[in-house]
Amino acid sequence: MQNQDDWLKYDESEAVNYIKEGLPEDVQAKVSDENINDIIEMMHDFYEAKGFLDDDVDDENEEFEIDINEMVEYISERSEKESLNHLSLDDIELIIQGELNYCDSLEIPE
């Protein structure tokens, strides 16, 4: 479970740069920083919908399993509203994986 101190390490601009640098050139060419931020927001929405961010979790160190395919589907379903329909499921998955890798680099638990 993530706590507030973990998120103090998280810098949105650094996250976007980290994610973008890790993408293949063809994907980099079609995503903007705003697109990446939108996907990060939808990831947060996914965590909330799954109850991963609930304050009433008994164990702060409780780990949870993220189903990447389920998250990709969740974001894909919402991507049209966010003008992300130019991205494939593979593109979205690469961005999600980049954000997870950024959190890992900060040693923020998933």
N, C-alpha and C. Protein backbone atom coordinates (compact mmCIF):
# COMPACT_ATOMS: atom_id res chain seq x y z
N MET A 1 0.85 -1.18 0.00
CA MET A 1 0.00 0.00 0.00
C MET A 1 0.89 1.23 0.00
N GLN A 2 0.57 2.16 -0.81
CA GLN A 2 1.34 3.38 -0.90
C GLN A 2 0.92 4.33 0.20
N ASN A 3 1.92 5.02 0.78
CA ASN A 3 1.56 6.01 1.78
C ASN A 3 1.94 7.40 1.27
N GLN A 4 1.54 8.41 2.03
CA GLN A 4 1.74 9.79 1.59
C GLN A 4 3.23 10.11 1.39
N ASP A 5 4.10 9.60 2.26
CA ASP A 5 5.53 9.88 2.12
C ASP A 5 6.09 9.35 0.81
N ASP A 6 5.58 8.19 0.37
CA ASP A 6 6.03 7.64 -0.91
C ASP A 6 5.70 8.58 -2.05
N TRP A 7 4.52 9.18 -2.00
CA TRP A 7 4.09 10.04 -3.10
C TRP A 7 4.81 11.38 -3.09
N LEU A 8 5.45 11.75 -1.97
CA LEU A 8 6.24 12.98 -1.96
C LEU A 8 7.45 12.86 -2.88
N LYS A 9 7.90 11.63 -3.11
CA LYS A 9 9.03 11.39 -4.02
C LYS A 9 8.61 11.49 -5.48
N TYR A 10 7.33 11.32 -5.75
CA TYR A 10 6.80 11.24 -7.11
C TYR A 10 6.72 12.64 -7.72
N ASP A 11 7.38 12.82 -8.86
CA ASP A 11 7.34 14.08 -9.58
C ASP A 11 6.72 13.83 -10.94
N GLU A 12 5.58 14.48 -11.21
CA GLU A 12 4.85 14.21 -12.45
C GLU A 12 5.68 14.50 -13.69
N SER A 13 6.42 15.59 -13.69
CA SER A 13 7.25 15.93 -14.86
C SER A 13 8.34 14.89 -15.08
N GLU A 14 8.97 14.48 -13.98
CA GLU A 14 10.00 13.44 -14.09
C GLU A 14 9.39 12.13 -14.57
N ALA A 15 8.20 11.82 -14.08
CA ALA A 15 7.52 10.58 -14.49
C ALA A 15 7.26 10.59 -15.99
N VAL A 16 6.74 11.70 -16.48
CA VAL A 16 6.44 11.81 -17.92
C VAL A 16 7.72 11.66 -18.73
N ASN A 17 8.78 12.34 -18.32
CA ASN A 17 10.06 12.23 -19.05
C ASN A 17 10.60 10.81 -19.00
N TYR A 18 10.54 10.19 -17.85
CA TYR A 18 11.02 8.82 -17.69
C TYR A 18 10.26 7.88 -18.61
N ILE A 19 8.93 8.02 -18.61
CA ILE A 19 8.09 7.16 -19.44
C ILE A 19 8.39 7.39 -20.91
N LYS A 20 8.43 8.66 -21.31
CA LYS A 20 8.64 8.99 -22.72
C LYS A 20 9.99 8.47 -23.23
N GLU A 21 11.03 8.62 -22.41
CA GLU A 21 12.36 8.15 -22.81
C GLU A 21 12.40 6.64 -22.99
N GLY A 22 11.54 5.92 -22.28
CA GLY A 22 11.54 4.47 -22.38
C GLY A 22 10.69 3.91 -23.52
N LEU A 23 9.98 4.80 -24.21
CA LEU A 23 9.11 4.35 -25.30
C LEU A 23 9.88 4.22 -26.61
N PRO A 24 9.47 3.31 -27.46
CA PRO A 24 10.06 3.25 -28.81
C PRO A 24 9.79 4.57 -29.54
N GLU A 25 10.66 4.90 -30.48
CA GLU A 25 10.56 6.18 -31.18
C GLU A 25 9.21 6.38 -31.86
N ASP A 26 8.66 5.33 -32.46
CA ASP A 26 7.38 5.48 -33.14
C ASP A 26 6.25 5.82 -32.17
N VAL A 27 6.31 5.31 -30.95
CA VAL A 27 5.30 5.64 -29.95
C VAL A 27 5.55 7.04 -29.40
N GLN A 28 6.82 7.37 -29.17
CA GLN A 28 7.16 8.72 -28.72
C GLN A 28 6.60 9.78 -29.66
N ALA A 29 6.64 9.49 -30.95
CA ALA A 29 6.21 10.45 -31.95
C ALA A 29 4.71 10.72 -31.89
N LYS A 30 3.94 9.78 -31.36
CA LYS A 30 2.49 9.98 -31.36
C LYS A 30 1.89 10.29 -29.99
N VAL A 31 2.71 10.37 -28.95
CA VAL A 31 2.17 10.72 -27.64
C VAL A 31 2.72 12.06 -27.17
N SER A 32 1.85 12.82 -26.57
CA SER A 32 2.26 14.09 -25.97
C SER A 32 2.40 13.88 -24.46
N ASP A 33 3.01 14.85 -23.81
CA ASP A 33 3.11 14.80 -22.36
C ASP A 33 1.71 14.73 -21.74
N GLU A 34 0.77 15.46 -22.34
CA GLU A 34 -0.61 15.45 -21.84
C GLU A 34 -1.23 14.06 -21.97
N ASN A 35 -0.95 13.37 -23.08
CA ASN A 35 -1.47 12.00 -23.24
C ASN A 35 -0.95 11.11 -22.11
N ILE A 36 0.33 11.22 -21.82
CA ILE A 36 0.92 10.40 -20.75
C ILE A 36 0.30 10.75 -19.41
N ASN A 37 0.15 12.04 -19.13
CA ASN A 37 -0.49 12.46 -17.88
C ASN A 37 -1.92 11.93 -17.77
N ASP A 38 -2.65 11.95 -18.89
CA ASP A 38 -4.01 11.41 -18.88
C ASP A 38 -4.02 9.93 -18.51
N ILE A 39 -3.08 9.19 -19.05
CA ILE A 39 -3.01 7.75 -18.75
C ILE A 39 -2.62 7.53 -17.29
N ILE A 40 -1.70 8.34 -16.78
CA ILE A 40 -1.33 8.23 -15.36
C ILE A 40 -2.55 8.50 -14.48
N GLU A 41 -3.34 9.50 -14.83
CA GLU A 41 -4.57 9.79 -14.07
C GLU A 41 -5.54 8.61 -14.13
N MET A 42 -5.68 8.01 -15.30
CA MET A 42 -6.58 6.87 -15.43
C MET A 42 -6.05 5.66 -14.64
N MET A 43 -4.73 5.53 -14.54
CA MET A 43 -4.16 4.47 -13.72
C MET A 43 -4.58 4.69 -12.26
N HIS A 44 -4.50 5.93 -11.81
CA HIS A 44 -4.91 6.26 -10.45
C HIS A 44 -6.40 5.94 -10.26
N ASP A 45 -7.22 6.29 -11.26
CA ASP A 45 -8.65 5.97 -11.20
C ASP A 45 -8.86 4.46 -11.09
N PHE A 46 -8.06 3.70 -11.84
CA PHE A 46 -8.14 2.23 -11.79
C PHE A 46 -7.82 1.74 -10.38
N TYR A 47 -6.76 2.27 -9.77
CA TYR A 47 -6.39 1.88 -8.41
C TYR A 47 -7.54 2.17 -7.44
N GLU A 48 -8.16 3.35 -7.59
CA GLU A 48 -9.28 3.70 -6.73
C GLU A 48 -10.46 2.75 -6.94
N ALA A 49 -10.78 2.47 -8.21
CA ALA A 49 -11.90 1.59 -8.52
C ALA A 49 -11.69 0.19 -7.94
N LYS A 50 -10.45 -0.25 -7.88
CA LYS A 50 -10.12 -1.57 -7.34
C LYS A 50 -9.98 -1.58 -5.82
N GLY A 51 -10.03 -0.39 -5.19
CA GLY A 51 -9.90 -0.30 -3.75
C GLY A 51 -8.47 -0.33 -3.25
N PHE A 52 -7.51 -0.19 -4.16
CA PHE A 52 -6.10 -0.24 -3.76
C PHE A 52 -5.66 0.98 -2.96
N LEU A 53 -6.42 2.06 -3.02
CA LEU A 53 -6.04 3.29 -2.34
C LEU A 53 -6.90 3.57 -1.10
N ASP A 54 -7.71 2.59 -0.71
CA ASP A 54 -8.59 2.78 0.43
C ASP A 54 -7.79 2.97 1.71
N ASP A 55 -8.25 3.90 2.52
CA ASP A 55 -7.59 4.18 3.80
C ASP A 55 -7.87 3.11 4.85
N ASP A 56 -8.92 2.35 4.66
CA ASP A 56 -9.31 1.37 5.67
C ASP A 56 -8.64 0.01 5.52
N VAL A 57 -7.58 -0.05 4.72
CA VAL A 57 -6.85 -1.31 4.58
C VAL A 57 -6.13 -1.59 5.89
N ASP A 58 -6.26 -2.83 6.38
CA ASP A 58 -5.72 -3.20 7.68
C ASP A 58 -4.20 -3.11 7.74
N ASP A 59 -3.54 -3.58 6.73
CA ASP A 59 -2.07 -3.67 6.75
C ASP A 59 -1.50 -2.70 5.74
N GLU A 60 -0.76 -1.70 6.25
CA GLU A 60 -0.16 -0.71 5.35
C GLU A 60 0.83 -1.32 4.38
N ASN A 61 1.41 -2.44 4.73
CA ASN A 61 2.40 -3.08 3.89
C ASN A 61 1.78 -4.12 2.96
N GLU A 62 0.46 -4.15 2.94
CA GLU A 62 -0.22 -5.11 2.09
C GLU A 62 0.13 -4.86 0.63
N GLU A 63 0.52 -5.92 -0.05
CA GLU A 63 0.82 -5.81 -1.47
C GLU A 63 -0.38 -6.29 -2.26
N PHE A 64 -0.52 -5.74 -3.45
CA PHE A 64 -1.62 -6.17 -4.30
C PHE A 64 -1.07 -6.44 -5.68
N GLU A 65 -1.76 -7.31 -6.36
CA GLU A 65 -1.36 -7.72 -7.70
C GLU A 65 -2.09 -6.87 -8.73
N ILE A 66 -1.33 -6.24 -9.61
CA ILE A 66 -1.92 -5.43 -10.66
C ILE A 66 -2.03 -6.29 -11.91
N ASP A 67 -3.23 -6.40 -12.43
CA ASP A 67 -3.46 -7.12 -13.68
C ASP A 67 -3.29 -6.10 -14.80
N ILE A 68 -2.14 -6.13 -15.46
CA ILE A 68 -1.82 -5.15 -16.51
C ILE A 68 -2.87 -5.20 -17.62
N ASN A 69 -3.27 -6.40 -18.01
CA ASN A 69 -4.27 -6.52 -19.08
C ASN A 69 -5.59 -5.86 -18.69
N GLU A 70 -5.99 -6.05 -17.44
CA GLU A 70 -7.22 -5.42 -16.96
C GLU A 70 -7.08 -3.90 -16.94
N MET A 71 -5.92 -3.42 -16.53
CA MET A 71 -5.70 -1.97 -16.51
C MET A 71 -5.68 -1.40 -17.92
N VAL A 72 -5.06 -2.09 -18.86
CA VAL A 72 -5.03 -1.64 -20.25
C VAL A 72 -6.46 -1.54 -20.78
N GLU A 73 -7.27 -2.55 -20.50
CA GLU A 73 -8.66 -2.55 -20.95
C GLU A 73 -9.43 -1.39 -20.31
N TYR A 74 -9.25 -1.19 -19.03
CA TYR A 74 -9.91 -0.09 -18.30
C TYR A 74 -9.57 1.25 -18.95
N ILE A 75 -8.29 1.46 -19.22
CA ILE A 75 -7.85 2.73 -19.82
C ILE A 75 -8.32 2.84 -21.26
N SER A 76 -8.26 1.75 -21.99
CA SER A 76 -8.70 1.76 -23.38
C SER A 76 -10.17 2.17 -23.49
N GLU A 77 -10.99 1.65 -22.59
CA GLU A 77 -12.42 1.99 -22.60
C GLU A 77 -12.66 3.47 -22.36
N ARG A 78 -11.77 4.12 -21.65
CA ARG A 78 -11.92 5.53 -21.33
C ARG A 78 -11.11 6.44 -22.25
N SER A 79 -10.28 5.85 -23.07
CA SER A 79 -9.34 6.64 -23.88
C SER A 79 -10.02 7.51 -24.92
N GLU A 80 -11.16 7.09 -25.42
CA GLU A 80 -11.84 7.89 -26.43
C GLU A 80 -12.27 9.24 -25.86
N LYS A 81 -12.72 9.24 -24.62
CA LYS A 81 -13.13 10.48 -23.97
C LYS A 81 -11.95 11.42 -23.76
N GLU A 82 -10.77 10.87 -23.64
CA GLU A 82 -9.57 11.64 -23.36
C GLU A 82 -8.75 11.92 -24.62
N SER A 83 -9.31 11.70 -25.78
CA SER A 83 -8.61 11.90 -27.06
C SER A 83 -7.34 11.06 -27.16
N LEU A 84 -7.45 9.84 -26.71
CA LEU A 84 -6.31 8.91 -26.78
C LEU A 84 -6.59 7.77 -27.74
N ASN A 85 -7.63 7.91 -28.54
CA ASN A 85 -8.00 6.81 -29.42
C ASN A 85 -6.98 6.57 -30.54
N HIS A 86 -5.97 7.42 -30.66
CA HIS A 86 -4.91 7.20 -31.63
C HIS A 86 -3.85 6.23 -31.12
N LEU A 87 -4.00 5.79 -29.87
CA LEU A 87 -3.03 4.88 -29.27
C LEU A 87 -3.58 3.45 -29.31
N SER A 88 -2.70 2.52 -29.64
CA SER A 88 -3.09 1.11 -29.63
C SER A 88 -3.04 0.58 -28.20
N LEU A 89 -3.58 -0.61 -28.02
CA LEU A 89 -3.49 -1.26 -26.71
C LEU A 89 -2.03 -1.47 -26.31
N ASP A 90 -1.19 -1.80 -27.28
CA ASP A 90 0.24 -1.99 -27.00
C ASP A 90 0.89 -0.69 -26.56
N ASP A 91 0.51 0.43 -27.19
CA ASP A 91 1.04 1.74 -26.79
C ASP A 91 0.66 2.05 -25.35
N ILE A 92 -0.60 1.82 -25.03
CA ILE A 92 -1.08 2.08 -23.67
C ILE A 92 -0.34 1.21 -22.67
N GLU A 93 -0.16 -0.06 -23.02
CA GLU A 93 0.56 -0.96 -22.12
C GLU A 93 2.00 -0.50 -21.90
N LEU A 94 2.66 -0.02 -22.93
CA LEU A 94 4.03 0.48 -22.78
C LEU A 94 4.07 1.68 -21.83
N ILE A 95 3.09 2.55 -21.92
CA ILE A 95 3.05 3.72 -21.04
C ILE A 95 2.78 3.29 -19.60
N ILE A 96 1.86 2.36 -19.41
CA ILE A 96 1.58 1.83 -18.08
C ILE A 96 2.85 1.21 -17.49
N GLN A 97 3.51 0.38 -18.28
CA GLN A 97 4.73 -0.27 -17.79
C GLN A 97 5.80 0.76 -17.46
N GLY A 98 5.89 1.81 -18.25
CA GLY A 98 6.85 2.89 -17.97
C GLY A 98 6.56 3.56 -16.65
N GLU A 99 5.28 3.79 -16.34
CA GLU A 99 4.92 4.42 -15.07
C GLU A 99 5.23 3.50 -13.91
N LEU A 100 4.95 2.21 -14.06
CA LEU A 100 5.28 1.25 -13.01
C LEU A 100 6.79 1.18 -12.79
N ASN A 101 7.55 1.24 -13.88
CA ASN A 101 9.01 1.24 -13.77
C ASN A 101 9.51 2.50 -13.07
N TYR A 102 8.87 3.64 -13.37
CA TYR A 102 9.25 4.88 -12.69
C TYR A 102 9.04 4.75 -11.19
N CYS A 103 7.88 4.20 -10.77
CA CYS A 103 7.62 4.00 -9.35
C CYS A 103 8.65 3.06 -8.74
N ASP A 104 9.00 2.00 -9.46
CA ASP A 104 10.03 1.08 -8.99
C ASP A 104 11.36 1.80 -8.80
N SER A 105 11.69 2.72 -9.70
CA SER A 105 12.96 3.44 -9.60
C SER A 105 13.00 4.33 -8.34
N LEU A 106 11.82 4.72 -7.87
CA LEU A 106 11.72 5.53 -6.65
C LEU A 106 11.52 4.66 -5.42
N GLU A 107 11.40 3.35 -5.66
CA GLU A 107 11.13 2.37 -4.62
C GLU A 107 9.80 2.64 -3.94
N ILE A 108 8.81 3.07 -4.77
CA ILE A 108 7.44 3.24 -4.29
C ILE A 108 6.73 1.91 -4.52
N PRO A 109 6.19 1.34 -3.46
CA PRO A 109 5.48 0.06 -3.66
C PRO A 109 4.26 0.26 -4.55
N GLU A 110 3.98 -0.75 -5.35
CA GLU A 110 2.80 -0.71 -6.23
C GLU A 110 1.55 -0.86 -5.41
